Amino acid sequence: MRKPIIITIVVLALLLLAAVTNPSRDEFINWGVAEIRSEAESDLERIFGGAVAAPMLELQTEVNDYVFFSIFTLEKSDSEVKYLGIFNSFFTLSQG
């Protein structure tokens, strides 16, 4: 009798945590800029990469918010890349 109640409480707690930590569009863009900067090989690339990346990500990103997680679609000229945002983290779903 107690086991189903404990499982229900754990599942509800995980869903609540997922909803509270569901990343926003701004968090995705900040993460994307940080990723671009981390891949840069020189200080100049880091400066210009970050300055150019934010507006480009702003224009090319579409978000589908599902309360517990979000799907971010980054549309490039010839393809699109999808990312899963959950628990304040981002994971690549598909490479276009």
PDB file of N, CA and C in Angstrom:
ATOM      1  N   MET A   1       0.822  -1.196   0.000  1.00  0.00           N
ATOM      2  CA  MET A   1       0.000   0.000   0.000  1.00  0.00           C
ATOM      3  C   MET A   1       0.862   1.255   0.000  1.00  0.00           C
ATOM      4  N   ARG A   2       1.966   1.256   0.733  1.00  0.00           N
ATOM      5  CA  ARG A   2       2.794   2.445   0.840  1.00  0.00           C
ATOM      6  C   ARG A   2       3.671   2.649  -0.388  1.00  0.00           C
ATOM      7  N   LYS A   3       4.051   1.559  -1.052  1.00  0.00           N
ATOM      8  CA  LYS A   3       4.945   1.640  -2.202  1.00  0.00           C
ATOM      9  C   LYS A   3       4.350   2.482  -3.341  1.00  0.00           C
ATOM     10  N   PRO A   4       3.077   2.295  -3.737  1.00  0.00           N
ATOM     11  CA  PRO A   4       2.509   3.147  -4.796  1.00  0.00           C
ATOM     12  C   PRO A   4       2.469   4.634  -4.409  1.00  0.00           C
ATOM     13  N   ILE A   5       2.250   4.921  -3.156  1.00  0.00           N
ATOM     14  CA  ILE A   5       2.216   6.318  -2.702  1.00  0.00           C
ATOM     15  C   ILE A   5       3.610   6.929  -2.799  1.00  0.00           C
ATOM     16  N   ILE A   6       4.614   6.196  -2.397  1.00  0.00           N
ATOM     17  CA  ILE A   6       5.994   6.695  -2.473  1.00  0.00           C
ATOM     18  C   ILE A   6       6.397   6.904  -3.924  1.00  0.00           C
ATOM     19  N   ILE A   7       6.062   5.971  -4.800  1.00  0.00           N
ATOM     20  CA  ILE A   7       6.388   6.113  -6.219  1.00  0.00           C
ATOM     21  C   ILE A   7       5.679   7.328  -6.807  1.00  0.00           C
ATOM     22  N   THR A   8       4.424   7.520  -6.457  1.00  0.00           N
ATOM     23  CA  THR A   8       3.665   8.675  -6.942  1.00  0.00           C
ATOM     24  C   THR A   8       4.297   9.983  -6.477  1.00  0.00           C
ATOM     25  N   ILE A   9       4.712  10.042  -5.236  1.00  0.00           N
ATOM     26  CA  ILE A   9       5.346  11.252  -4.702  1.00  0.00           C
ATOM     27  C   ILE A   9       6.660  11.531  -5.414  1.00  0.00           C
ATOM     28  N   VAL A  10       7.460  10.492  -5.655  1.00  0.00           N
ATOM     29  CA  VAL A  10       8.735  10.669  -6.354  1.00  0.00           C
ATOM     30  C   VAL A  10       8.503  11.162  -7.779  1.00  0.00           C
ATOM     31  N   VAL A  11       7.541  10.563  -8.483  1.00  0.00           N
ATOM     32  CA  VAL A  11       7.240  10.984  -9.864  1.00  0.00           C
ATOM     33  C   VAL A  11       6.750  12.431  -9.880  1.00  0.00           C
ATOM     34  N   LEU A  12       5.870  12.797  -8.970  1.00  0.00           N
ATOM     35  CA  LEU A  12       5.375  14.173  -8.904  1.00  0.00           C
ATOM     36  C   LEU A  12       6.500  15.157  -8.578  1.00  0.00           C
ATOM     37  N   ALA A  13       7.409  14.757  -7.692  1.00  0.00           N
ATOM     38  CA  ALA A  13       8.544  15.623  -7.362  1.00  0.00           C
ATOM     39  C   ALA A  13       9.447  15.823  -8.580  1.00  0.00           C
ATOM     40  N   LEU A  14       9.698  14.758  -9.346  1.00  0.00           N
ATOM     41  CA  LEU A  14      10.506  14.879 -10.567  1.00  0.00           C
ATOM     42  C   LEU A  14       9.827  15.768 -11.600  1.00  0.00           C
ATOM     43  N   LEU A  15       8.521  15.619 -11.759  1.00  0.00           N
ATOM     44  CA  LEU A  15       7.795  16.471 -12.705  1.00  0.00           C
ATOM     45  C   LEU A  15       7.821  17.935 -12.270  1.00  0.00           C
ATOM     46  N   LEU A  16       7.676  18.175 -10.991  1.00  0.00           N
ATOM     47  CA  LEU A  16       7.754  19.545 -10.477  1.00  0.00           C
ATOM     48  C   LEU A  16       9.142  20.126 -10.704  1.00  0.00           C
ATOM     49  N   LEU A  17      10.176  19.344 -10.426  1.00  0.00           N
ATOM     50  CA  LEU A  17      11.548  19.794 -10.648  1.00  0.00           C
ATOM     51  C   LEU A  17      11.793  20.079 -12.132  1.00  0.00           C
ATOM     52  N   ALA A  18      11.281  19.216 -13.006  1.00  0.00           N
ATOM     53  CA  ALA A  18      11.441  19.426 -14.450  1.00  0.00           C
ATOM     54  C   ALA A  18      10.734  20.707 -14.885  1.00  0.00           C
ATOM     55  N   ALA A  19       9.555  20.959 -14.362  1.00  0.00           N
ATOM     56  CA  ALA A  19       8.811  22.172 -14.737  1.00  0.00           C
ATOM     57  C   ALA A  19       9.524  23.432 -14.260  1.00  0.00           C
ATOM     58  N   VAL A  20      10.068  23.387 -13.066  1.00  0.00           N
ATOM     59  CA  VAL A  20      10.746  24.563 -12.503  1.00  0.00           C
ATOM     60  C   VAL A  20      12.072  24.836 -13.215  1.00  0.00           C
ATOM     61  N   THR A  21      12.746  23.787 -13.664  1.00  0.00           N
ATOM     62  CA  THR A  21      14.059  23.950 -14.292  1.00  0.00           C
ATOM     63  C   THR A  21      14.003  23.858 -15.816  1.00  0.00           C
ATOM     64  N   ASN A  22      12.811  23.994 -16.393  1.00  0.00           N
ATOM     65  CA  ASN A  22      12.663  23.988 -17.845  1.00  0.00           C
ATOM     66  C   ASN A  22      13.346  25.248 -18.391  1.00  0.00           C
ATOM     67  N   PRO A  23      14.394  25.101 -19.227  1.00  0.00           N
ATOM     68  CA  PRO A  23      15.140  26.274 -19.688  1.00  0.00           C
ATOM     69  C   PRO A  23      14.336  27.139 -20.658  1.00  0.00           C
ATOM     70  N   SER A  24      14.601  28.427 -20.601  1.00  0.00           N
ATOM     71  CA  SER A  24      13.919  29.392 -21.460  1.00  0.00           C
ATOM     72  C   SER A  24      14.713  29.614 -22.744  1.00  0.00           C
ATOM     73  N   ARG A  25      14.137  30.382 -23.639  1.00  0.00           N
ATOM     74  CA  ARG A  25      14.793  30.741 -24.901  1.00  0.00           C
ATOM     75  C   ARG A  25      16.083  31.509 -24.626  1.00  0.00           C
ATOM     76  N   ASP A  26      16.037  32.456 -23.687  1.00  0.00           N
ATOM     77  CA  ASP A  26      17.230  33.245 -23.341  1.00  0.00           C
ATOM     78  C   ASP A  26      18.338  32.358 -22.783  1.00  0.00           C
ATOM     79  N   GLU A  27      17.974  31.375 -21.971  1.00  0.00           N
ATOM     80  CA  GLU A  27      18.982  30.449 -21.440  1.00  0.00           C
ATOM     81  C   GLU A  27      19.605  29.619 -22.559  1.00  0.00           C
ATOM     82  N   PHE A  28      18.791  29.232 -23.532  1.00  0.00           N
ATOM     83  CA  PHE A  28      19.324  28.481 -24.672  1.00  0.00           C
ATOM     84  C   PHE A  28      20.300  29.338 -25.479  1.00  0.00           C
ATOM     85  N   ILE A  29      19.941  30.581 -25.719  1.00  0.00           N
ATOM     86  CA  ILE A  29      20.812  31.480 -26.488  1.00  0.00           C
ATOM     87  C   ILE A  29      22.114  31.724 -25.731  1.00  0.00           C
ATOM     88  N   ASN A  30      22.029  31.951 -24.428  1.00  0.00           N
ATOM     89  CA  ASN A  30      23.247  32.132 -23.624  1.00  0.00           C
ATOM     90  C   ASN A  30      24.119  30.882 -23.665  1.00  0.00           C
ATOM     91  N   TRP A  31      23.506  29.707 -23.601  1.00  0.00           N
ATOM     92  CA  TRP A  31      24.249  28.456 -23.693  1.00  0.00           C
ATOM     93  C   TRP A  31      24.901  28.324 -25.062  1.00  0.00           C
ATOM     94  N   GLY A  32      24.161  28.665 -26.120  1.00  0.00           N
ATOM     95  CA  GLY A  32      24.703  28.586 -27.475  1.00  0.00           C
ATOM     96  C   GLY A  32      25.893  29.506 -27.675  1.00  0.00           C
ATOM     97  N   VAL A  33      25.806  30.724 -27.153  1.00  0.00           N
ATOM     98  CA  VAL A  33      26.925  31.671 -27.254  1.00  0.00           C
ATOM     99  C   VAL A  33      28.133  31.123 -26.490  1.00  0.00           C
ATOM    100  N   ALA A  34      27.903  30.573 -25.306  1.00  0.00           N
ATOM    101  CA  ALA A  34      29.003  30.002 -24.522  1.00  0.00           C
ATOM    102  C   ALA A  34      29.647  28.831 -25.258  1.00  0.00           C
ATOM    103  N   GLU A  35      28.843  28.002 -25.939  1.00  0.00           N
ATOM    104  CA  GLU A  35      29.377  26.886 -26.715  1.00  0.00           C
ATOM    105  C   GLU A  35      30.240  27.389 -27.867  1.00  0.00           C
ATOM    106  N   ILE A  36      29.768  28.408 -28.549  1.00  0.00           N
ATOM    107  CA  ILE A  36      30.528  28.979 -29.670  1.00  0.00           C
ATOM    108  C   ILE A  36      31.841  29.566 -29.172  1.00  0.00           C
ATOM    109  N   ARG A  37      31.777  30.276 -28.053  1.00  0.00           N
ATOM    110  CA  ARG A  37      33.004  30.860 -27.490  1.00  0.00           C
ATOM    111  C   ARG A  37      33.981  29.782 -27.043  1.00  0.00           C
ATOM    112  N   SER A  38      33.474  28.693 -26.504  1.00  0.00           N
ATOM    113  CA  SER A  38      34.371  27.639 -26.024  1.00  0.00           C
ATOM    114  C   SER A  38      35.066  26.919 -27.177  1.00  0.00           C
ATOM    115  N   GLU A  39      34.465  26.928 -28.345  1.00  0.00           N
ATOM    116  CA  GLU A  39      35.063  26.286 -29.512  1.00  0.00           C
ATOM    117  C   GLU A  39      36.025  27.202 -30.267  1.00  0.00           C
ATOM    118  N   ALA A  40      36.017  28.494 -29.926  1.00  0.00           N
ATOM    119  CA  ALA A  40      36.897  29.444 -30.607  1.00  0.00           C
ATOM    120  C   ALA A  40      38.353  29.179 -30.228  1.00  0.00           C
ATOM    121  N   GLU A  41      39.223  29.397 -31.186  1.00  0.00           N
ATOM    122  CA  GLU A  41      40.641  29.095 -30.970  1.00  0.00           C
ATOM    123  C   GLU A  41      41.467  30.309 -30.547  1.00  0.00           C
ATOM    124  N   SER A  42      40.935  31.501 -30.719  1.00  0.00           N
ATOM    125  CA  SER A  42      41.692  32.695 -30.327  1.00  0.00           C
ATOM    126  C   SER A  42      40.780  33.656 -29.581  1.00  0.00           C
ATOM    127  N   ASP A  43      41.383  34.624 -28.900  1.00  0.00           N
ATOM    128  CA  ASP A  43      40.603  35.632 -28.176  1.00  0.00           C
ATOM    129  C   ASP A  43      39.747  36.453 -29.126  1.00  0.00           C
ATOM    130  N   LEU A  44      40.286  36.762 -30.290  1.00  0.00           N
ATOM    131  CA  LEU A  44      39.545  37.545 -31.272  1.00  0.00           C
ATOM    132  C   LEU A  44      38.303  36.780 -31.733  1.00  0.00           C
ATOM    133  N   GLU A  45      38.440  35.481 -31.975  1.00  0.00           N
ATOM    134  CA  GLU A  45      37.287  34.669 -32.356  1.00  0.00           C
ATOM    135  C   GLU A  45      36.261  34.614 -31.236  1.00  0.00           C
ATOM    136  N   ARG A  46      36.711  34.565 -29.997  1.00  0.00           N
ATOM    137  CA  ARG A  46      35.788  34.532 -28.859  1.00  0.00           C
ATOM    138  C   ARG A  46      34.975  35.827 -28.783  1.00  0.00           C
ATOM    139  N   ILE A  47      35.645  36.958 -28.989  1.00  0.00           N
ATOM    140  CA  ILE A  47      34.969  38.253 -28.906  1.00  0.00           C
ATOM    141  C   ILE A  47      33.960  38.400 -30.038  1.00  0.00           C
ATOM    142  N   PHE A  48      34.416  38.192 -31.275  1.00  0.00           N
ATOM    143  CA  PHE A  48      33.526  38.375 -32.414  1.00  0.00           C
ATOM    144  C   PHE A  48      32.493  37.259 -32.515  1.00  0.00           C
ATOM    145  N   GLY A  49      32.879  36.054 -32.147  1.00  0.00           N
ATOM    146  CA  GLY A  49      31.932  34.940 -32.173  1.00  0.00           C
ATOM    147  C   GLY A  49      30.766  35.175 -31.245  1.00  0.00           C
ATOM    148  N   GLY A  50      31.042  35.652 -30.056  1.00  0.00           N
ATOM    149  CA  GLY A  50      29.981  35.940 -29.096  1.00  0.00           C
ATOM    150  C   GLY A  50      29.118  37.109 -29.516  1.00  0.00           C
ATOM    151  N   ALA A  51      29.739  38.132 -30.103  1.00  0.00           N
ATOM    152  CA  ALA A  51      28.992  39.318 -30.532  1.00  0.00           C
ATOM    153  C   ALA A  51      28.065  39.000 -31.697  1.00  0.00           C
ATOM    154  N   VAL A  52      28.482  38.117 -32.564  1.00  0.00           N
ATOM    155  CA  VAL A  52      27.677  37.772 -33.739  1.00  0.00           C
ATOM    156  C   VAL A  52      26.693  36.648 -33.418  1.00  0.00           C
ATOM    157  N   ALA A  53      27.081  35.750 -32.543  1.00  0.00           N
ATOM    158  CA  ALA A  53      26.280  34.555 -32.272  1.00  0.00           C
ATOM    159  C   ALA A  53      24.923  34.877 -31.641  1.00  0.00           C
ATOM    160  N   ALA A  54      24.885  35.769 -30.684  1.00  0.00           N
ATOM    161  CA  ALA A  54      23.628  36.048 -29.975  1.00  0.00           C
ATOM    162  C   ALA A  54      22.530  36.528 -30.924  1.00  0.00           C
ATOM    163  N   PRO A  55      22.777  37.541 -31.762  1.00  0.00           N
ATOM    164  CA  PRO A  55      21.708  37.967 -32.678  1.00  0.00           C
ATOM    165  C   PRO A  55      21.315  36.888 -33.690  1.00  0.00           C
ATOM    166  N   MET A  56      22.292  36.113 -34.149  1.00  0.00           N
ATOM    167  CA  MET A  56      21.991  35.053 -35.106  1.00  0.00           C
ATOM    168  C   MET A  56      21.147  33.958 -34.455  1.00  0.00           C
ATOM    169  N   LEU A  57      21.506  33.572 -33.248  1.00  0.00           N
ATOM    170  CA  LEU A  57      20.709  32.562 -32.536  1.00  0.00           C
ATOM    171  C   LEU A  57      19.306  33.089 -32.244  1.00  0.00           C
ATOM    172  N   GLU A  58      19.213  34.362 -31.931  1.00  0.00           N
ATOM    173  CA  GLU A  58      17.923  35.000 -31.656  1.00  0.00           C
ATOM    174  C   GLU A  58      17.000  34.877 -32.870  1.00  0.00           C
ATOM    175  N   LEU A  59      17.543  35.078 -34.048  1.00  0.00           N
ATOM    176  CA  LEU A  59      16.749  35.025 -35.278  1.00  0.00           C
ATOM    177  C   LEU A  59      16.441  33.600 -35.727  1.00  0.00           C
ATOM    178  N   GLN A  60      17.338  32.661 -35.464  1.00  0.00           N
ATOM    179  CA  GLN A  60      17.224  31.323 -36.031  1.00  0.00           C
ATOM    180  C   GLN A  60      16.625  30.285 -35.090  1.00  0.00           C
ATOM    181  N   THR A  61      16.247  30.678 -33.891  1.00  0.00           N
ATOM    182  CA  THR A  61      15.782  29.702 -32.900  1.00  0.00           C
ATOM    183  C   THR A  61      14.269  29.735 -32.743  1.00  0.00           C
ATOM    184  N   GLU A  62      13.680  28.555 -32.825  1.00  0.00           N
ATOM    185  CA  GLU A  62      12.253  28.382 -32.554  1.00  0.00           C
ATOM    186  C   GLU A  62      12.118  27.481 -31.332  1.00  0.00           C
ATOM    187  N   VAL A  63      11.198  27.821 -30.441  1.00  0.00           N
ATOM    188  CA  VAL A  63      11.044  27.065 -29.195  1.00  0.00           C
ATOM    189  C   VAL A  63       9.641  26.475 -29.102  1.00  0.00           C
ATOM    190  N   ASN A  64       9.574  25.207 -28.737  1.00  0.00           N
ATOM    191  CA  ASN A  64       8.319  24.555 -28.380  1.00  0.00           C
ATOM    192  C   ASN A  64       8.415  24.179 -26.912  1.00  0.00           C
ATOM    193  N   ASP A  65       7.618  24.855 -26.089  1.00  0.00           N
ATOM    194  CA  ASP A  65       7.638  24.653 -24.644  1.00  0.00           C
ATOM    195  C   ASP A  65       6.564  23.646 -24.258  1.00  0.00           C
ATOM    196  N   TYR A  66       6.986  22.561 -23.617  1.00  0.00           N
ATOM    197  CA  TYR A  66       6.071  21.500 -23.188  1.00  0.00           C
ATOM    198  C   TYR A  66       5.987  21.411 -21.655  1.00  0.00           C
ATOM    199  N   VAL A  67       6.145  22.492 -20.966  1.00  0.00           N
ATOM    200  CA  VAL A  67       6.083  22.649 -19.509  1.00  0.00           C
ATOM    201  C   VAL A  67       7.230  21.938 -18.799  1.00  0.00           C
ATOM    202  N   PHE A  68       7.406  20.648 -19.003  1.00  0.00           N
ATOM    203  CA  PHE A  68       8.451  19.888 -18.312  1.00  0.00           C
ATOM    204  C   PHE A  68       9.778  19.901 -19.059  1.00  0.00           C
ATOM    205  N   PHE A  69       9.736  20.189 -20.346  1.00  0.00           N
ATOM    206  CA  PHE A  69      10.933  20.274 -21.185  1.00  0.00           C
ATOM    207  C   PHE A  69      10.601  21.156 -22.382  1.00  0.00           C
ATOM    208  N   SER A  70      11.618  21.563 -23.121  1.00  0.00           N
ATOM    209  CA  SER A  70      11.429  22.362 -24.321  1.00  0.00           C
ATOM    210  C   SER A  70      12.253  21.773 -25.451  1.00  0.00           C
ATOM    211  N   ILE A  71      11.761  21.939 -26.662  1.00  0.00           N
ATOM    212  CA  ILE A  71      12.490  21.551 -27.860  1.00  0.00           C
ATOM    213  C   ILE A  71      12.889  22.842 -28.574  1.00  0.00           C
ATOM    214  N   PHE A  72      14.185  23.011 -28.775  1.00  0.00           N
ATOM    215  CA  PHE A  72      14.720  24.192 -29.455  1.00  0.00           C
ATOM    216  C   PHE A  72      15.155  23.766 -30.854  1.00  0.00           C
ATOM    217  N   THR A  73      14.630  24.431 -31.869  1.00  0.00           N
ATOM    218  CA  THR A  73      14.988  24.138 -33.248  1.00  0.00           C
ATOM    219  C   THR A  73      15.805  25.306 -33.782  1.00  0.00           C
ATOM    220  N   LEU A  74      17.020  25.021 -34.175  1.00  0.00           N
ATOM    221  CA  LEU A  74      17.927  26.018 -34.727  1.00  0.00           C
ATOM    222  C   LEU A  74      17.947  25.828 -36.236  1.00  0.00           C
ATOM    223  N   GLU A  75      17.360  26.781 -36.947  1.00  0.00           N
ATOM    224  CA  GLU A  75      17.258  26.672 -38.394  1.00  0.00           C
ATOM    225  C   GLU A  75      18.453  27.335 -39.060  1.00  0.00           C
ATOM    226  N   LYS A  76      19.197  26.520 -39.798  1.00  0.00           N
ATOM    227  CA  LYS A  76      20.320  27.013 -40.572  1.00  0.00           C
ATOM    228  C   LYS A  76      19.874  27.109 -42.027  1.00  0.00           C
ATOM    229  N   SER A  77      20.710  27.635 -42.895  1.00  0.00           N
ATOM    230  CA  SER A  77      20.313  27.837 -44.286  1.00  0.00           C
ATOM    231  C   SER A  77      19.962  26.528 -44.998  1.00  0.00           C
ATOM    232  N   ASP A  78      20.671  25.461 -44.713  1.00  0.00           N
ATOM    233  CA  ASP A  78      20.441  24.203 -45.423  1.00  0.00           C
ATOM    234  C   ASP A  78      19.971  23.058 -44.526  1.00  0.00           C
ATOM    235  N   SER A  79      19.798  23.301 -43.241  1.00  0.00           N
ATOM    236  CA  SER A  79      19.399  22.230 -42.333  1.00  0.00           C
ATOM    237  C   SER A  79      18.848  22.825 -41.042  1.00  0.00           C
ATOM    238  N   GLU A  80      18.441  21.940 -40.162  1.00  0.00           N
ATOM    239  CA  GLU A  80      18.017  22.370 -38.831  1.00  0.00           C
ATOM    240  C   GLU A  80      18.533  21.381 -37.796  1.00  0.00           C
ATOM    241  N   VAL A  81      18.816  21.915 -36.616  1.00  0.00           N
ATOM    242  CA  VAL A  81      19.310  21.102 -35.515  1.00  0.00           C
ATOM    243  C   VAL A  81      18.325  21.259 -34.363  1.00  0.00           C
ATOM    244  N   LYS A  82      17.963  20.142 -33.740  1.00  0.00           N
ATOM    245  CA  LYS A  82      17.025  20.167 -32.615  1.00  0.00           C
ATOM    246  C   LYS A  82      17.750  19.822 -31.324  1.00  0.00           C
ATOM    247  N   TYR A  83      17.399  20.561 -30.276  1.00  0.00           N
ATOM    248  CA  TYR A  83      17.969  20.354 -28.950  1.00  0.00           C
ATOM    249  C   TYR A  83      16.845  20.149 -27.949  1.00  0.00           C
ATOM    250  N   LEU A  84      17.095  19.298 -26.986  1.00  0.00           N
ATOM    251  CA  LEU A  84      16.183  19.086 -25.873  1.00  0.00           C
ATOM    252  C   LEU A  84      16.691  19.897 -24.696  1.00  0.00           C
ATOM    253  N   GLY A  85      15.832  20.710 -24.122  1.00  0.00           N
ATOM    254  CA  GLY A  85      16.168  21.462 -22.918  1.00  0.00           C
ATOM    255  C   GLY A  85      15.377  20.915 -21.746  1.00  0.00           C
ATOM    256  N   ILE A  86      16.073  20.369 -20.763  1.00  0.00           N
ATOM    257  CA  ILE A  86      15.418  19.788 -19.591  1.00  0.00           C
ATOM    258  C   ILE A  86      16.376  19.869 -18.403  1.00  0.00           C
ATOM    259  N   PHE A  87      15.857  20.146 -17.228  1.00  0.00           N
ATOM    260  CA  PHE A  87      16.649  20.271 -16.004  1.00  0.00           C
ATOM    261  C   PHE A  87      17.821  21.248 -16.192  1.00  0.00           C
ATOM    262  N   ASN A  88      17.571  22.385 -16.837  1.00  0.00           N
ATOM    263  CA  ASN A  88      18.589  23.426 -17.108  1.00  0.00           C
ATOM    264  C   ASN A  88      19.784  22.896 -17.897  1.00  0.00           C
ATOM    265  N   SER A  89      19.578  21.876 -18.713  1.00  0.00           N
ATOM    266  CA  SER A  89      20.628  21.308 -19.550  1.00  0.00           C
ATOM    267  C   SER A  89      20.101  21.177 -20.973  1.00  0.00           C
ATOM    268  N   PHE A  90      21.047  21.065 -21.916  1.00  0.00           N
ATOM    269  CA  PHE A  90      20.682  20.956 -23.323  1.00  0.00           C
ATOM    270  C   PHE A  90      21.363  19.742 -23.939  1.00  0.00           C
ATOM    271  N   PHE A  91      20.594  19.015 -24.749  1.00  0.00           N
ATOM    272  CA  PHE A  91      21.090  17.806 -25.400  1.00  0.00           C
ATOM    273  C   PHE A  91      20.689  17.847 -26.869  1.00  0.00           C
ATOM    274  N   THR A  92      21.606  17.459 -27.747  1.00  0.00           N
ATOM    275  CA  THR A  92      21.315  17.438 -29.170  1.00  0.00           C
ATOM    276  C   THR A  92      20.405  16.249 -29.485  1.00  0.00           C
ATOM    277  N   LEU A  93      19.301  16.530 -30.162  1.00  0.00           N
ATOM    278  CA  LEU A  93      18.378  15.470 -30.572  1.00  0.00           C
ATOM    279  C   LEU A  93      18.649  15.033 -32.002  1.00  0.00           C
ATOM    280  N   SER A  94      18.892  16.012 -32.881  1.00  0.00           N
ATOM    281  CA  SER A  94      19.129  15.669 -34.279  1.00  0.00           C
ATOM    282  C   SER A  94      20.042  16.687 -34.933  1.00  0.00           C
ATOM    283  N   GLN A  95      20.901  16.208 -35.778  1.00  0.00           N
ATOM    284  CA  GLN A  95      21.776  17.061 -36.573  1.00  0.00           C
ATOM    285  C   GLN A  95      21.176  17.088 -37.973  1.00  0.00           C
ATOM    286  N   GLY A  96      20.876  18.282 -38.473  1.00  0.00           N
ATOM    287  CA  GLY A  96      20.245  18.398 -39.789  1.00  0.00           C
ATOM    288  C   GLY A  96      21.180  18.266 -40.867  1.00  0.00           C
TER     289      GLY A  96
END
